[in-house]
Amino acid sequence: QRRLVMNNVLSEDFLKLREISCEIGNNIDLIQGAGGNSSLKENGILWVKASGCWLSDAIDNDIFVPIDNKKTVKSIESGDISDINVKGGHSLNKSSLHPSIETALHALMPHKFVLHVHAVNTLSISVLHNGQKYVSKLLHDINWAWVPYVMPGIKLARAVQSVIKEKPDVLILANHGLVIGGETSQQVLELLMLVEERMNRVMRKTIEIDNSRLLSIISKSKYRLPKYKISNAIAIDDLALKVVEIGTLYPDHVVFLGAGPMNILSIDELEGVINQPYYIENNPVIIVRDFGVVVCRDFGENSESMLYCLASVLLRIQPDEKLCYLTQEDEMDLMGWDAEKYRKLIQR
C-alpha cells in the first residue's frame, strides 16, 4: 500500500520521482554519469538525490536523502549552506550519503518536482556569448530565467535567489545546465521534453578515419580507445580541437576531465610518450590529432560519459559563435572544492 513519506513509507509522488529520475538518468544526452539531480518537496521535506549517486539507479537503489526544506532556505539566506544535513527519523534515510552539492538550488525552486540536467543541447547554447539572447527566441512563450555562471554552492544559490522572485519554471544556468520545475511528475517531464525540443541543435557530421596505426601504438600500452565512438570526433573536428586547445566550458569538464587546455598530440608524439610512467599518470585522456582519442584503461564510466558529453556539445557549436570559457579562477575553485572531491571519491 502506498502511503505518505511522513509515515516512512513510499508515497505515490516519491515513486514517481524515482521513475522519472531513472528515465532521464538513462538518457546520456540529458544526464552523464553521476551528474544532474532531482528532487521532491513533500510534507516539509525536500527529498534530493544524494551526492555521487546515479539517477539511473533511482528505482533499484535508495539514492534520495531527506532534508528540512525550510532550514535549507534559511541557511541560504544566512549565506552558509555548509550545515545542510540529512534529516533523521526516516526509514529511507541512508546516513552515509550526503545531500547533492546543488541541494540549495532545489530548495529555492518553489515547485514540487525539480529536475536539474546537463543536457548537451542546452550546454551548447549556455556557453555562448549571446546565449541569453539565443534562448529568449527559443523559449519566448515559457516562463524562464537566465542565471549567469557562478560557482556551484552558495554562490549559485544566491544567483538563483535573485531571479526566483518571478517564479520561473525553467532556469538556464550559463556554462552549467538546465533546471525544470513542475507540480506533477508528468508536468515536469513534459516541460523538460518541450525545452529539449526547442533547444535542439544539429550536430556536425564527422568523417570516418583509419585508426589502425593508433590501435597498433596503444595495443601494448595502458591506453585504449574510449567507450563512445563520438568521443573520437574531438580529434578530427577542427572547431572541437580549437575549443579544447583554449580551455574548459563547464564544471563537469573540469572535475572529470581536468582543468585548462586538453592534451593534444600528433601521432608521432604519441609514440614517444605512450609508455612513459610519469606521462601516463598525469594524462588519463590524450587527443591524437586527426586520429582519435585514447584514454587510460582504468578510465571510469563517469569520465567516459563526460567525454561523450564534451564531444556532443562541441559538435553542436558553430564556427561563427563566440564562446564563454571558465576562467582559471573558476577552475581552481572547482578543483579545490571538498564537496566535489567527495563526489569523485565515491564514484563506482
C-alpha atoms as a PDB file:
ATOM      1  CA  GLN A   1       0.000   0.000   0.000  1.00  0.00           C
ATOM      2  CA  ARG A   2       1.319   3.431  -0.944  1.00  0.00           C
ATOM      3  CA  ARG A   3       1.235   5.967   1.864  1.00  0.00           C
ATOM      4  CA  LEU A   4       2.877   9.267   2.683  1.00  0.00           C
ATOM      5  CA  VAL A   5       6.610   9.612   3.118  1.00  0.00           C
ATOM      6  CA  MET A   6       5.938  11.235   6.508  1.00  0.00           C
ATOM      7  CA  ASN A   7       4.870   7.773   7.687  1.00  0.00           C
ATOM      8  CA  ASN A   8       8.176   6.324   6.483  1.00  0.00           C
ATOM      9  CA  VAL A   9       6.508   4.589   3.530  1.00  0.00           C
ATOM     10  CA  LEU A  10       6.872   5.422  -0.131  1.00  0.00           C
ATOM     11  CA  SER A  11       4.271   7.899  -1.355  1.00  0.00           C
ATOM     12  CA  GLU A  12       2.825   7.979  -4.864  1.00  0.00           C
ATOM     13  CA  ASP A  13       4.815  11.117  -5.670  1.00  0.00           C
ATOM     14  CA  PHE A  14       8.028   9.631  -4.284  1.00  0.00           C
ATOM     15  CA  LEU A  15       7.611   6.623  -6.537  1.00  0.00           C
ATOM     16  CA  LYS A  16       7.026   8.979  -9.471  1.00  0.00           C
ATOM     17  CA  LEU A  17      10.223  10.842  -8.556  1.00  0.00           C
ATOM     18  CA  ARG A  18      12.147   7.593  -8.754  1.00  0.00           C
ATOM     19  CA  GLU A  19      10.557   6.701 -12.095  1.00  0.00           C
ATOM     20  CA  ILE A  20      11.246   9.990 -13.866  1.00  0.00           C
ATOM     21  CA  SER A  21      14.731  10.192 -12.343  1.00  0.00           C
ATOM     22  CA  CYS A  22      15.558   6.769 -13.736  1.00  0.00           C
ATOM     23  CA  GLU A  23      14.121   7.740 -17.114  1.00  0.00           C
ATOM     24  CA  ILE A  24      16.216  10.876 -17.532  1.00  0.00           C
ATOM     25  CA  GLY A  25      19.203   9.200 -15.888  1.00  0.00           C
ATOM     26  CA  ASN A  26      19.282   6.649 -18.697  1.00  0.00           C
ATOM     27  CA  ASN A  27      19.387   9.364 -21.359  1.00  0.00           C
ATOM     28  CA  ILE A  28      23.054  10.262 -21.786  1.00  0.00           C
ATOM     29  CA  ASP A  29      22.144  13.411 -23.720  1.00  0.00           C
ATOM     30  CA  LEU A  30      20.489  14.688 -20.506  1.00  0.00           C
ATOM     31  CA  ILE A  31      22.480  13.085 -17.714  1.00  0.00           C
ATOM     32  CA  GLN A  32      26.081  11.901 -17.768  1.00  0.00           C
ATOM     33  CA  GLY A  33      27.206   9.513 -15.051  1.00  0.00           C
ATOM     34  CA  ALA A  34      26.536  10.855 -11.572  1.00  0.00           C
ATOM     35  CA  GLY A  35      25.821  14.338 -12.932  1.00  0.00           C
ATOM     36  CA  GLY A  36      22.491  16.093 -12.572  1.00  0.00           C
ATOM     37  CA  ASN A  37      19.970  15.681  -9.770  1.00  0.00           C
ATOM     38  CA  SER A  38      16.257  15.637  -8.979  1.00  0.00           C
ATOM     39  CA  SER A  39      14.035  16.365  -6.004  1.00  0.00           C
ATOM     40  CA  LEU A  40      10.565  16.264  -4.478  1.00  0.00           C
ATOM     41  CA  LYS A  41       9.072  18.506  -1.789  1.00  0.00           C
ATOM     42  CA  GLU A  42       6.569  16.702   0.408  1.00  0.00           C
ATOM     43  CA  ASN A  43       5.324  17.410   3.956  1.00  0.00           C
ATOM     44  CA  GLY A  44       8.092  19.946   4.574  1.00  0.00           C
ATOM     45  CA  ILE A  45      10.778  17.520   3.465  1.00  0.00           C
ATOM     46  CA  LEU A  46      12.986  18.035   0.427  1.00  0.00           C
ATOM     47  CA  TRP A  47      13.906  14.646  -0.984  1.00  0.00           C
ATOM     48  CA  VAL A  48      17.005  15.247  -3.094  1.00  0.00           C
ATOM     49  CA  LYS A  49      19.451  12.976  -4.890  1.00  0.00           C
ATOM     50  CA  ALA A  50      22.493  12.152  -2.814  1.00  0.00           C
ATOM     51  CA  SER A  51      25.871  13.375  -3.995  1.00  0.00           C
ATOM     52  CA  GLY A  52      27.725  10.916  -6.188  1.00  0.00           C
ATOM     53  CA  CYS A  53      24.691   8.706  -6.839  1.00  0.00           C
ATOM     54  CA  TRP A  54      23.369   7.977 -10.327  1.00  0.00           C
ATOM     55  CA  LEU A  55      19.847   8.966 -11.342  1.00  0.00           C
ATOM     56  CA  SER A  56      19.756   5.841 -13.490  1.00  0.00           C
ATOM     57  CA  ASP A  57      19.786   3.849 -10.216  1.00  0.00           C
ATOM     58  CA  ALA A  58      16.758   5.649  -8.781  1.00  0.00           C
ATOM     59  CA  ILE A  59      14.408   2.656  -8.988  1.00  0.00           C
ATOM     60  CA  ASP A  60      16.816  -0.049  -7.870  1.00  0.00           C
ATOM     61  CA  ASN A  61      18.660   1.846  -5.120  1.00  0.00           C
ATOM     62  CA  ASP A  62      17.838   4.366  -2.380  1.00  0.00           C
ATOM     63  CA  ILE A  63      19.597   7.408  -3.804  1.00  0.00           C
ATOM     64  CA  PHE A  64      17.471  10.166  -2.219  1.00  0.00           C
ATOM     65  CA  VAL A  65      18.037  11.788   1.155  1.00  0.00           C
ATOM     66  CA  PRO A  66      15.541  13.835   3.244  1.00  0.00           C
ATOM     67  CA  ILE A  67      16.342  17.481   4.007  1.00  0.00           C
ATOM     68  CA  ASP A  68      14.386  20.029   6.042  1.00  0.00           C
ATOM     69  CA  ASN A  69      13.381  22.433   3.271  1.00  0.00           C
ATOM     70  CA  LYS A  70      12.714  25.488   5.482  1.00  0.00           C
ATOM     71  CA  LYS A  71      16.043  25.114   7.275  1.00  0.00           C
ATOM     72  CA  THR A  72      17.802  24.863   3.939  1.00  0.00           C
ATOM     73  CA  VAL A  73      16.217  28.104   2.716  1.00  0.00           C
ATOM     74  CA  LYS A  74      17.223  29.803   5.973  1.00  0.00           C
ATOM     75  CA  SER A  75      20.781  28.561   5.501  1.00  0.00           C
ATOM     76  CA  ILE A  76      20.824  30.146   2.058  1.00  0.00           C
ATOM     77  CA  GLU A  77      19.541  33.417   3.477  1.00  0.00           C
ATOM     78  CA  SER A  78      22.232  33.374   6.156  1.00  0.00           C
ATOM     79  CA  GLY A  79      24.891  32.813   3.494  1.00  0.00           C
ATOM     80  CA  ASP A  80      26.090  29.441   4.769  1.00  0.00           C
ATOM     81  CA  ILE A  81      24.893  26.128   3.327  1.00  0.00           C
ATOM     82  CA  SER A  82      27.710  24.061   4.796  1.00  0.00           C
ATOM     83  CA  ASP A  83      25.455  22.754   7.562  1.00  0.00           C
ATOM     84  CA  ILE A  84      22.737  21.330   5.280  1.00  0.00           C
ATOM     85  CA  ASN A  85      22.340  17.834   6.697  1.00  0.00           C
ATOM     86  CA  VAL A  86      20.298  14.733   6.090  1.00  0.00           C
ATOM     87  CA  LYS A  87      17.206  14.696   8.289  1.00  0.00           C
ATOM     88  CA  GLY A  88      16.909  11.708  10.624  1.00  0.00           C
ATOM     89  CA  GLY A  89      13.799   9.730  11.520  1.00  0.00           C
ATOM     90  CA  HIS A  90      13.019   8.269   8.098  1.00  0.00           C
ATOM     91  CA  SER A  91      13.349   4.622   7.158  1.00  0.00           C
ATOM     92  CA  LEU A  92      14.759   5.662   3.766  1.00  0.00           C
ATOM     93  CA  ASN A  93      17.479   7.775   5.369  1.00  0.00           C
ATOM     94  CA  LYS A  94      20.938   6.459   4.492  1.00  0.00           C
ATOM     95  CA  SER A  95      23.213   8.302   6.910  1.00  0.00           C
ATOM     96  CA  SER A  96      26.357   7.606   4.880  1.00  0.00           C
ATOM     97  CA  LEU A  97      25.031   9.657   1.963  1.00  0.00           C
ATOM     98  CA  HIS A  98      25.497  13.398   1.609  1.00  0.00           C
ATOM     99  CA  PRO A  99      22.923  15.730   0.026  1.00  0.00           C
ATOM    100  CA  SER A 100      23.572  16.804  -3.557  1.00  0.00           C
ATOM    101  CA  ILE A 101      26.011  19.667  -3.894  1.00  0.00           C
ATOM    102  CA  GLU A 102      23.146  21.573  -5.538  1.00  0.00           C
ATOM    103  CA  THR A 103      20.551  20.977  -2.797  1.00  0.00           C
ATOM    104  CA  ALA A 104      20.134  24.735  -2.276  1.00  0.00           C
ATOM    105  CA  LEU A 105      19.079  25.152  -5.897  1.00  0.00           C
ATOM    106  CA  HIS A 106      16.279  22.612  -5.400  1.00  0.00           C
ATOM    107  CA  ALA A 107      15.159  24.205  -2.140  1.00  0.00           C
ATOM    108  CA  LEU A 108      14.761  27.622  -3.757  1.00  0.00           C
ATOM    109  CA  MET A 109      12.650  26.395  -6.661  1.00  0.00           C
ATOM    110  CA  PRO A 110       9.009  26.648  -5.446  1.00  0.00           C
ATOM    111  CA  HIS A 111       7.864  23.623  -7.445  1.00  0.00           C
ATOM    112  CA  LYS A 112       7.046  20.214  -6.007  1.00  0.00           C
ATOM    113  CA  PHE A 113       9.227  18.395  -8.552  1.00  0.00           C
ATOM    114  CA  VAL A 114      12.565  19.770  -9.759  1.00  0.00           C
ATOM    115  CA  LEU A 115      14.929  18.269 -12.334  1.00  0.00           C
ATOM    116  CA  HIS A 116      18.459  19.521 -12.959  1.00  0.00           C
ATOM    117  CA  VAL A 117      20.115  18.123 -16.068  1.00  0.00           C
ATOM    118  CA  HIS A 118      23.277  18.712 -18.064  1.00  0.00           C
ATOM    119  CA  ALA A 119      21.562  18.461 -21.430  1.00  0.00           C
ATOM    120  CA  VAL A 120      24.038  18.654 -24.303  1.00  0.00           C
ATOM    121  CA  ASN A 121      21.710  20.865 -26.350  1.00  0.00           C
ATOM    122  CA  THR A 122      21.325  23.381 -23.527  1.00  0.00           C
ATOM    123  CA  LEU A 123      25.037  23.273 -22.722  1.00  0.00           C
ATOM    124  CA  SER A 124      25.912  24.071 -26.327  1.00  0.00           C
ATOM    125  CA  ILE A 125      23.812  27.246 -26.037  1.00  0.00           C
ATOM    126  CA  SER A 126      24.562  28.213 -22.437  1.00  0.00           C
ATOM    127  CA  VAL A 127      28.292  28.514 -23.231  1.00  0.00           C
ATOM    128  CA  LEU A 128      27.651  31.078 -25.969  1.00  0.00           C
ATOM    129  CA  HIS A 129      28.467  34.743 -25.501  1.00  0.00           C
ATOM    130  CA  ASN A 130      24.968  35.588 -26.756  1.00  0.00           C
ATOM    131  CA  GLY A 131      23.378  32.576 -25.075  1.00  0.00           C
ATOM    132  CA  GLN A 132      20.724  34.524 -23.202  1.00  0.00           C
ATOM    133  CA  LYS A 133      19.550  36.267 -26.371  1.00  0.00           C
ATOM    134  CA  TYR A 134      19.587  32.947 -28.204  1.00  0.00           C
ATOM    135  CA  VAL A 135      17.382  31.296 -25.569  1.00  0.00           C
ATOM    136  CA  SER A 136      14.936  34.212 -25.486  1.00  0.00           C
ATOM    137  CA  LYS A 137      13.917  33.411 -29.068  1.00  0.00           C
ATOM    138  CA  LEU A 138      13.510  29.696 -28.395  1.00  0.00           C
ATOM    139  CA  LEU A 139      11.602  29.915 -25.093  1.00  0.00           C
ATOM    140  CA  HIS A 140       9.638  33.107 -25.744  1.00  0.00           C
ATOM    141  CA  ASP A 141       6.346  31.619 -24.516  1.00  0.00           C
ATOM    142  CA  ILE A 142       7.800  29.807 -21.478  1.00  0.00           C
ATOM    143  CA  ASN A 143       8.410  31.350 -18.052  1.00  0.00           C
ATOM    144  CA  TRP A 144      12.201  31.057 -17.865  1.00  0.00           C
ATOM    145  CA  ALA A 145      15.192  32.869 -16.401  1.00  0.00           C
ATOM    146  CA  TRP A 146      18.894  33.080 -17.209  1.00  0.00           C
ATOM    147  CA  VAL A 147      21.416  32.613 -14.391  1.00  0.00           C
ATOM    148  CA  PRO A 148      24.966  33.854 -15.151  1.00  0.00           C
ATOM    149  CA  TYR A 149      27.749  31.394 -14.326  1.00  0.00           C
ATOM    150  CA  VAL A 150      28.875  31.271 -10.727  1.00  0.00           C
ATOM    151  CA  MET A 151      30.480  28.586  -8.598  1.00  0.00           C
ATOM    152  CA  PRO A 152      28.019  25.801  -7.645  1.00  0.00           C
ATOM    153  CA  GLY A 153      27.058  26.013  -3.975  1.00  0.00           C
ATOM    154  CA  ILE A 154      26.162  29.159  -2.031  1.00  0.00           C
ATOM    155  CA  LYS A 155      27.132  31.453  -4.927  1.00  0.00           C
ATOM    156  CA  LEU A 156      24.800  29.636  -7.294  1.00  0.00           C
ATOM    157  CA  ALA A 157      22.073  29.640  -4.630  1.00  0.00           C
ATOM    158  CA  ARG A 158      22.419  33.417  -4.305  1.00  0.00           C
ATOM    159  CA  ALA A 159      22.266  33.858  -8.076  1.00  0.00           C
ATOM    160  CA  VAL A 160      19.130  31.719  -8.289  1.00  0.00           C
ATOM    161  CA  GLN A 161      17.624  33.617  -5.376  1.00  0.00           C
ATOM    162  CA  SER A 162      17.907  36.848  -7.368  1.00  0.00           C
ATOM    163  CA  VAL A 163      15.776  35.504 -10.246  1.00  0.00           C
ATOM    164  CA  ILE A 164      13.361  33.241  -8.391  1.00  0.00           C
ATOM    165  CA  LYS A 165      11.020  36.102  -7.491  1.00  0.00           C
ATOM    166  CA  GLU A 166       9.471  35.832 -10.955  1.00  0.00           C
ATOM    167  CA  LYS A 167       8.765  32.143 -10.235  1.00  0.00           C
ATOM    168  CA  PRO A 168      10.278  30.786 -13.456  1.00  0.00           C
ATOM    169  CA  ASP A 169       9.537  27.185 -14.397  1.00  0.00           C
ATOM    170  CA  VAL A 170      12.829  26.919 -16.286  1.00  0.00           C
ATOM    171  CA  LEU A 171      16.323  28.081 -15.346  1.00  0.00           C
ATOM    172  CA  ILE A 172      19.136  28.187 -17.869  1.00  0.00           C
ATOM    173  CA  LEU A 173      22.384  28.079 -15.898  1.00  0.00           C
ATOM    174  CA  ALA A 174      25.110  29.646 -18.014  1.00  0.00           C
ATOM    175  CA  ASN A 175      28.021  27.220 -18.631  1.00  0.00           C
ATOM    176  CA  HIS A 176      26.278  24.655 -16.460  1.00  0.00           C
ATOM    177  CA  GLY A 177      22.899  23.222 -17.404  1.00  0.00           C
ATOM    178  CA  LEU A 178      19.137  23.280 -17.189  1.00  0.00           C
ATOM    179  CA  VAL A 179      16.658  23.294 -14.271  1.00  0.00           C
ATOM    180  CA  ILE A 180      12.964  22.447 -14.700  1.00  0.00           C
ATOM    181  CA  GLY A 181      10.188  22.743 -12.110  1.00  0.00           C
ATOM    182  CA  GLY A 182       6.634  21.375 -12.077  1.00  0.00           C
ATOM    183  CA  GLU A 183       3.815  20.447  -9.715  1.00  0.00           C
ATOM    184  CA  THR A 184       3.465  16.883 -11.001  1.00  0.00           C
ATOM    185  CA  SER A 185       5.942  14.351 -12.320  1.00  0.00           C
ATOM    186  CA  GLN A 186       4.218  14.364 -15.703  1.00  0.00           C
ATOM    187  CA  GLN A 187       4.248  18.153 -15.896  1.00  0.00           C
ATOM    188  CA  VAL A 188       7.942  18.484 -15.102  1.00  0.00           C
ATOM    189  CA  LEU A 189       8.908  15.720 -17.525  1.00  0.00           C
ATOM    190  CA  GLU A 190       6.768  17.129 -20.338  1.00  0.00           C
ATOM    191  CA  LEU A 191       8.261  20.587 -19.826  1.00  0.00           C
ATOM    192  CA  LEU A 192      11.756  19.125 -19.930  1.00  0.00           C
ATOM    193  CA  MET A 193      10.963  17.388 -23.220  1.00  0.00           C
ATOM    194  CA  LEU A 194       9.460  20.598 -24.633  1.00  0.00           C
ATOM    195  CA  VAL A 195      12.546  22.625 -23.734  1.00  0.00           C
ATOM    196  CA  GLU A 196      14.767  19.897 -25.208  1.00  0.00           C
ATOM    197  CA  GLU A 197      12.781  20.064 -28.449  1.00  0.00           C
ATOM    198  CA  ARG A 198      13.097  23.855 -28.599  1.00  0.00           C
ATOM    199  CA  MET A 199      16.816  23.831 -27.761  1.00  0.00           C
ATOM    200  CA  ASN A 200      17.692  21.048 -30.193  1.00  0.00           C
ATOM    201  CA  ARG A 201      20.816  21.697 -32.267  1.00  0.00           C
ATOM    202  CA  VAL A 202      22.012  19.518 -35.119  1.00  0.00           C
ATOM    203  CA  MET A 203      25.479  18.035 -34.709  1.00  0.00           C
ATOM    204  CA  ARG A 204      28.100  18.419 -37.402  1.00  0.00           C
ATOM    205  CA  LYS A 205      28.928  15.180 -39.160  1.00  0.00           C
ATOM    206  CA  THR A 206      32.464  13.861 -38.899  1.00  0.00           C
ATOM    207  CA  ILE A 207      34.337  11.682 -41.332  1.00  0.00           C
ATOM    208  CA  GLU A 208      35.386   8.097 -40.669  1.00  0.00           C
ATOM    209  CA  ILE A 209      39.139   7.715 -40.339  1.00  0.00           C
ATOM    210  CA  ASP A 210      41.549   4.813 -40.367  1.00  0.00           C
ATOM    211  CA  ASN A 211      42.794   4.405 -36.789  1.00  0.00           C
ATOM    212  CA  SER A 212      44.758   1.183 -37.378  1.00  0.00           C
ATOM    213  CA  ARG A 213      48.055   2.939 -36.618  1.00  0.00           C
ATOM    214  CA  LEU A 214      46.607   4.386 -33.432  1.00  0.00           C
ATOM    215  CA  LEU A 215      45.396   0.936 -32.343  1.00  0.00           C
ATOM    216  CA  SER A 216      48.819  -0.541 -33.087  1.00  0.00           C
ATOM    217  CA  ILE A 217      50.574   2.091 -30.945  1.00  0.00           C
ATOM    218  CA  ILE A 218      48.329   1.628 -27.917  1.00  0.00           C
ATOM    219  CA  SER A 219      47.959  -2.181 -28.193  1.00  0.00           C
ATOM    220  CA  LYS A 220      50.619  -2.899 -25.564  1.00  0.00           C
ATOM    221  CA  SER A 221      50.191   0.291 -23.557  1.00  0.00           C
ATOM    222  CA  LYS A 222      47.990   1.336 -20.633  1.00  0.00           C
ATOM    223  CA  TYR A 223      45.707   3.197 -23.041  1.00  0.00           C
ATOM    224  CA  ARG A 224      42.639   2.151 -25.028  1.00  0.00           C
ATOM    225  CA  LEU A 225      40.011   3.748 -27.244  1.00  0.00           C
ATOM    226  CA  PRO A 226      37.072   5.471 -25.470  1.00  0.00           C
ATOM    227  CA  LYS A 227      33.780   3.640 -24.954  1.00  0.00           C
ATOM    228  CA  TYR A 228      31.713   6.055 -27.040  1.00  0.00           C
ATOM    229  CA  LYS A 229      32.696   6.370 -30.692  1.00  0.00           C
ATOM    230  CA  ILE A 230      31.590  10.007 -30.824  1.00  0.00           C
ATOM    231  CA  SER A 231      34.369  10.925 -28.360  1.00  0.00           C
ATOM    232  CA  ASN A 232      36.924  10.431 -31.156  1.00  0.00           C
ATOM    233  CA  ALA A 233      35.317  13.293 -33.077  1.00  0.00           C
ATOM    234  CA  ILE A 234      37.121  15.763 -30.827  1.00  0.00           C
ATOM    235  CA  ALA A 235      40.377  14.772 -32.544  1.00  0.00           C
ATOM    236  CA  ILE A 236      39.162  15.114 -36.121  1.00  0.00           C
ATOM    237  CA  ASP A 237      36.909  18.169 -35.945  1.00  0.00           C
ATOM    238  CA  ASP A 238      38.789  21.434 -36.446  1.00  0.00           C
ATOM    239  CA  LEU A 239      36.466  23.540 -34.300  1.00  0.00           C
ATOM    240  CA  ALA A 240      36.415  20.994 -31.476  1.00  0.00           C
ATOM    241  CA  LEU A 241      40.222  20.939 -31.455  1.00  0.00           C
ATOM    242  CA  LYS A 242      40.356  24.718 -31.397  1.00  0.00           C
ATOM    243  CA  VAL A 243      37.998  24.910 -28.395  1.00  0.00           C
ATOM    244  CA  VAL A 244      39.754  22.317 -26.224  1.00  0.00           C
ATOM    245  CA  GLU A 245      43.112  23.929 -27.015  1.00  0.00           C
ATOM    246  CA  ILE A 246      41.822  27.092 -25.338  1.00  0.00           C
ATOM    247  CA  GLY A 247      40.133  25.831 -22.163  1.00  0.00           C
ATOM    248  CA  THR A 248      37.034  24.458 -20.450  1.00  0.00           C
ATOM    249  CA  LEU A 249      33.379  25.403 -20.819  1.00  0.00           C
ATOM    250  CA  TYR A 250      31.512  23.936 -17.829  1.00  0.00           C
ATOM    251  CA  PRO A 251      32.128  22.420 -14.347  1.00  0.00           C
ATOM    252  CA  ASP A 252      31.888  18.682 -15.096  1.00  0.00           C
ATOM    253  CA  HIS A 253      34.529  19.060 -17.792  1.00  0.00           C
ATOM    254  CA  VAL A 254      36.901  20.439 -15.163  1.00  0.00           C
ATOM    255  CA  VAL A 255      36.011  17.937 -12.430  1.00  0.00           C
ATOM    256  CA  PHE A 256      36.163  14.759 -14.514  1.00  0.00           C
ATOM    257  CA  LEU A 257      38.406  15.566 -17.483  1.00  0.00           C
ATOM    258  CA  GLY A 258      40.739  18.134 -15.932  1.00  0.00           C
ATOM    259  CA  ALA A 259      41.281  21.889 -15.952  1.00  0.00           C
ATOM    260  CA  GLY A 260      42.814  24.038 -18.667  1.00  0.00           C
ATOM    261  CA  PRO A 261      43.539  23.128 -22.305  1.00  0.00           C
ATOM    262  CA  MET A 262      43.311  19.423 -23.121  1.00  0.00           C
ATOM    263  CA  ASN A 263      46.356  17.426 -24.117  1.00  0.00           C
ATOM    264  CA  ILE A 264      46.669  17.241 -27.925  1.00  0.00           C
ATOM    265  CA  LEU A 265      49.476  15.281 -29.588  1.00  0.00           C
ATOM    266  CA  SER A 266      50.403  14.238 -33.095  1.00  0.00           C
ATOM    267  CA  ILE A 267      50.549  10.508 -33.787  1.00  0.00           C
ATOM    268  CA  ASP A 268      54.374  10.681 -33.802  1.00  0.00           C
ATOM    269  CA  GLU A 269      54.429  12.479 -30.458  1.00  0.00           C
ATOM    270  CA  LEU A 270      52.131   9.818 -29.003  1.00  0.00           C
ATOM    271  CA  GLU A 271      54.598   7.086 -29.938  1.00  0.00           C
ATOM    272  CA  GLY A 272      57.290   8.905 -27.994  1.00  0.00           C
ATOM    273  CA  VAL A 273      55.414   9.130 -24.702  1.00  0.00           C
ATOM    274  CA  ILE A 274      52.954   6.229 -24.713  1.00  0.00           C
ATOM    275  CA  ASN A 275      54.966   4.123 -22.262  1.00  0.00           C
ATOM    276  CA  GLN A 276      56.441   6.819 -20.035  1.00  0.00           C
ATOM    277  CA  PRO A 277      55.075   6.193 -16.479  1.00  0.00           C
ATOM    278  CA  TYR A 278      55.060   9.857 -15.417  1.00  0.00           C
ATOM    279  CA  TYR A 279      53.247  10.905 -18.579  1.00  0.00           C
ATOM    280  CA  ILE A 280      50.617   8.180 -18.230  1.00  0.00           C
ATOM    281  CA  GLU A 281      49.980   9.063 -14.595  1.00  0.00           C
ATOM    282  CA  ASN A 282      49.236  12.685 -15.462  1.00  0.00           C
ATOM    283  CA  ASN A 283      47.358  12.254 -18.741  1.00  0.00           C
ATOM    284  CA  PRO A 284      44.309   9.969 -18.496  1.00  0.00           C
ATOM    285  CA  VAL A 285      42.997  11.434 -21.790  1.00  0.00           C
ATOM    286  CA  ILE A 286      45.057  12.136 -24.895  1.00  0.00           C
ATOM    287  CA  ILE A 287      43.661  13.681 -28.067  1.00  0.00           C
ATOM    288  CA  VAL A 288      45.627  12.448 -31.061  1.00  0.00           C
ATOM    289  CA  ARG A 289      45.109  14.995 -33.784  1.00  0.00           C
ATOM    290  CA  ASP A 290      43.494  13.529 -36.924  1.00  0.00           C
ATOM    291  CA  PHE A 291      43.459  10.017 -35.438  1.00  0.00           C
ATOM    292  CA  GLY A 292      41.183   9.859 -32.396  1.00  0.00           C
ATOM    293  CA  VAL A 293      41.142   9.924 -28.609  1.00  0.00           C
ATOM    294  CA  VAL A 294      42.783   7.450 -26.216  1.00  0.00           C
ATOM    295  CA  VAL A 295      42.076   7.007 -22.514  1.00  0.00           C
ATOM    296  CA  CYS A 296      43.734   5.095 -19.695  1.00  0.00           C
ATOM    297  CA  ARG A 297      42.473   1.540 -19.318  1.00  0.00           C
ATOM    298  CA  ASP A 298      41.010   2.332 -15.893  1.00  0.00           C
ATOM    299  CA  PHE A 299      39.093   5.333 -17.251  1.00  0.00           C
ATOM    300  CA  GLY A 300      35.722   5.007 -15.467  1.00  0.00           C
ATOM    301  CA  GLU A 301      32.164   5.166 -16.799  1.00  0.00           C
ATOM    302  CA  ASN A 302      31.681   8.580 -15.226  1.00  0.00           C
ATOM    303  CA  SER A 303      34.594  10.029 -17.166  1.00  0.00           C
ATOM    304  CA  GLU A 304      33.573   8.159 -20.326  1.00  0.00           C
ATOM    305  CA  SER A 305      30.150   9.803 -20.235  1.00  0.00           C
ATOM    306  CA  MET A 306      31.721  13.219 -19.648  1.00  0.00           C
ATOM    307  CA  LEU A 307      33.906  12.717 -22.714  1.00  0.00           C
ATOM    308  CA  TYR A 308      30.767  11.803 -24.666  1.00  0.00           C
ATOM    309  CA  CYS A 309      29.112  14.982 -23.381  1.00  0.00           C
ATOM    310  CA  LEU A 310      32.058  17.145 -24.394  1.00  0.00           C
ATOM    311  CA  ALA A 311      32.114  15.783 -27.940  1.00  0.00           C
ATOM    312  CA  SER A 312      28.334  16.150 -28.214  1.00  0.00           C
ATOM    313  CA  VAL A 313      28.484  19.776 -27.090  1.00  0.00           C
ATOM    314  CA  LEU A 314      31.430  20.707 -29.315  1.00  0.00           C
ATOM    315  CA  LEU A 315      29.838  19.234 -32.431  1.00  0.00           C
ATOM    316  CA  ARG A 316      26.777  21.439 -31.857  1.00  0.00           C
ATOM    317  CA  ILE A 317      28.776  24.670 -31.671  1.00  0.00           C
ATOM    318  CA  GLN A 318      29.103  26.637 -34.908  1.00  0.00           C
ATOM    319  CA  PRO A 319      32.317  28.281 -36.231  1.00  0.00           C
ATOM    320  CA  ASP A 320      30.912  31.824 -36.065  1.00  0.00           C
ATOM    321  CA  GLU A 321      29.785  31.556 -32.424  1.00  0.00           C
ATOM    322  CA  LYS A 322      31.713  33.275 -29.647  1.00  0.00           C
ATOM    323  CA  LEU A 323      32.199  31.174 -26.529  1.00  0.00           C
ATOM    324  CA  CYS A 324      32.444  31.992 -22.836  1.00  0.00           C
ATOM    325  CA  TYR A 325      35.130  29.874 -21.182  1.00  0.00           C
ATOM    326  CA  LEU A 326      35.559  29.222 -17.483  1.00  0.00           C
ATOM    327  CA  THR A 327      38.356  31.322 -16.015  1.00  0.00           C
ATOM    328  CA  GLN A 328      41.408  29.878 -14.264  1.00  0.00           C
ATOM    329  CA  GLU A 329      39.879  31.093 -11.005  1.00  0.00           C
ATOM    330  CA  ASP A 330      36.671  29.198 -11.803  1.00  0.00           C
ATOM    331  CA  GLU A 331      38.682  26.048 -12.462  1.00  0.00           C
ATOM    332  CA  MET A 332      40.717  26.328  -9.274  1.00  0.00           C
ATOM    333  CA  ASP A 333      37.543  26.802  -7.238  1.00  0.00           C
ATOM    334  CA  LEU A 334      36.065  23.651  -8.741  1.00  0.00           C
ATOM    335  CA  MET A 335      39.164  21.510  -8.293  1.00  0.00           C
ATOM    336  CA  GLY A 336      39.622  22.622  -4.706  1.00  0.00           C
ATOM    337  CA  TRP A 337      36.044  22.188  -3.547  1.00  0.00           C
ATOM    338  CA  ASP A 338      35.683  19.472  -0.871  1.00  0.00           C
ATOM    339  CA  ALA A 339      32.175  18.519  -1.969  1.00  0.00           C
ATOM    340  CA  GLU A 340      33.385  17.822  -5.498  1.00  0.00           C
ATOM    341  CA  LYS A 341      36.259  15.724  -4.149  1.00  0.00           C
ATOM    342  CA  TYR A 342      33.742  13.741  -2.137  1.00  0.00           C
ATOM    343  CA  ARG A 343      31.601  13.133  -5.211  1.00  0.00           C
ATOM    344  CA  LYS A 344      34.589  11.876  -7.180  1.00  0.00           C
ATOM    345  CA  LEU A 345      35.765   9.714  -4.273  1.00  0.00           C
ATOM    346  CA  ILE A 346      32.617   7.580  -4.136  1.00  0.00           C
ATOM    347  CA  GLN A 347      32.167   7.087  -7.872  1.00  0.00           C
ATOM    348  CA  ARG A 348      31.789   3.481  -8.900  1.00  0.00           C
END
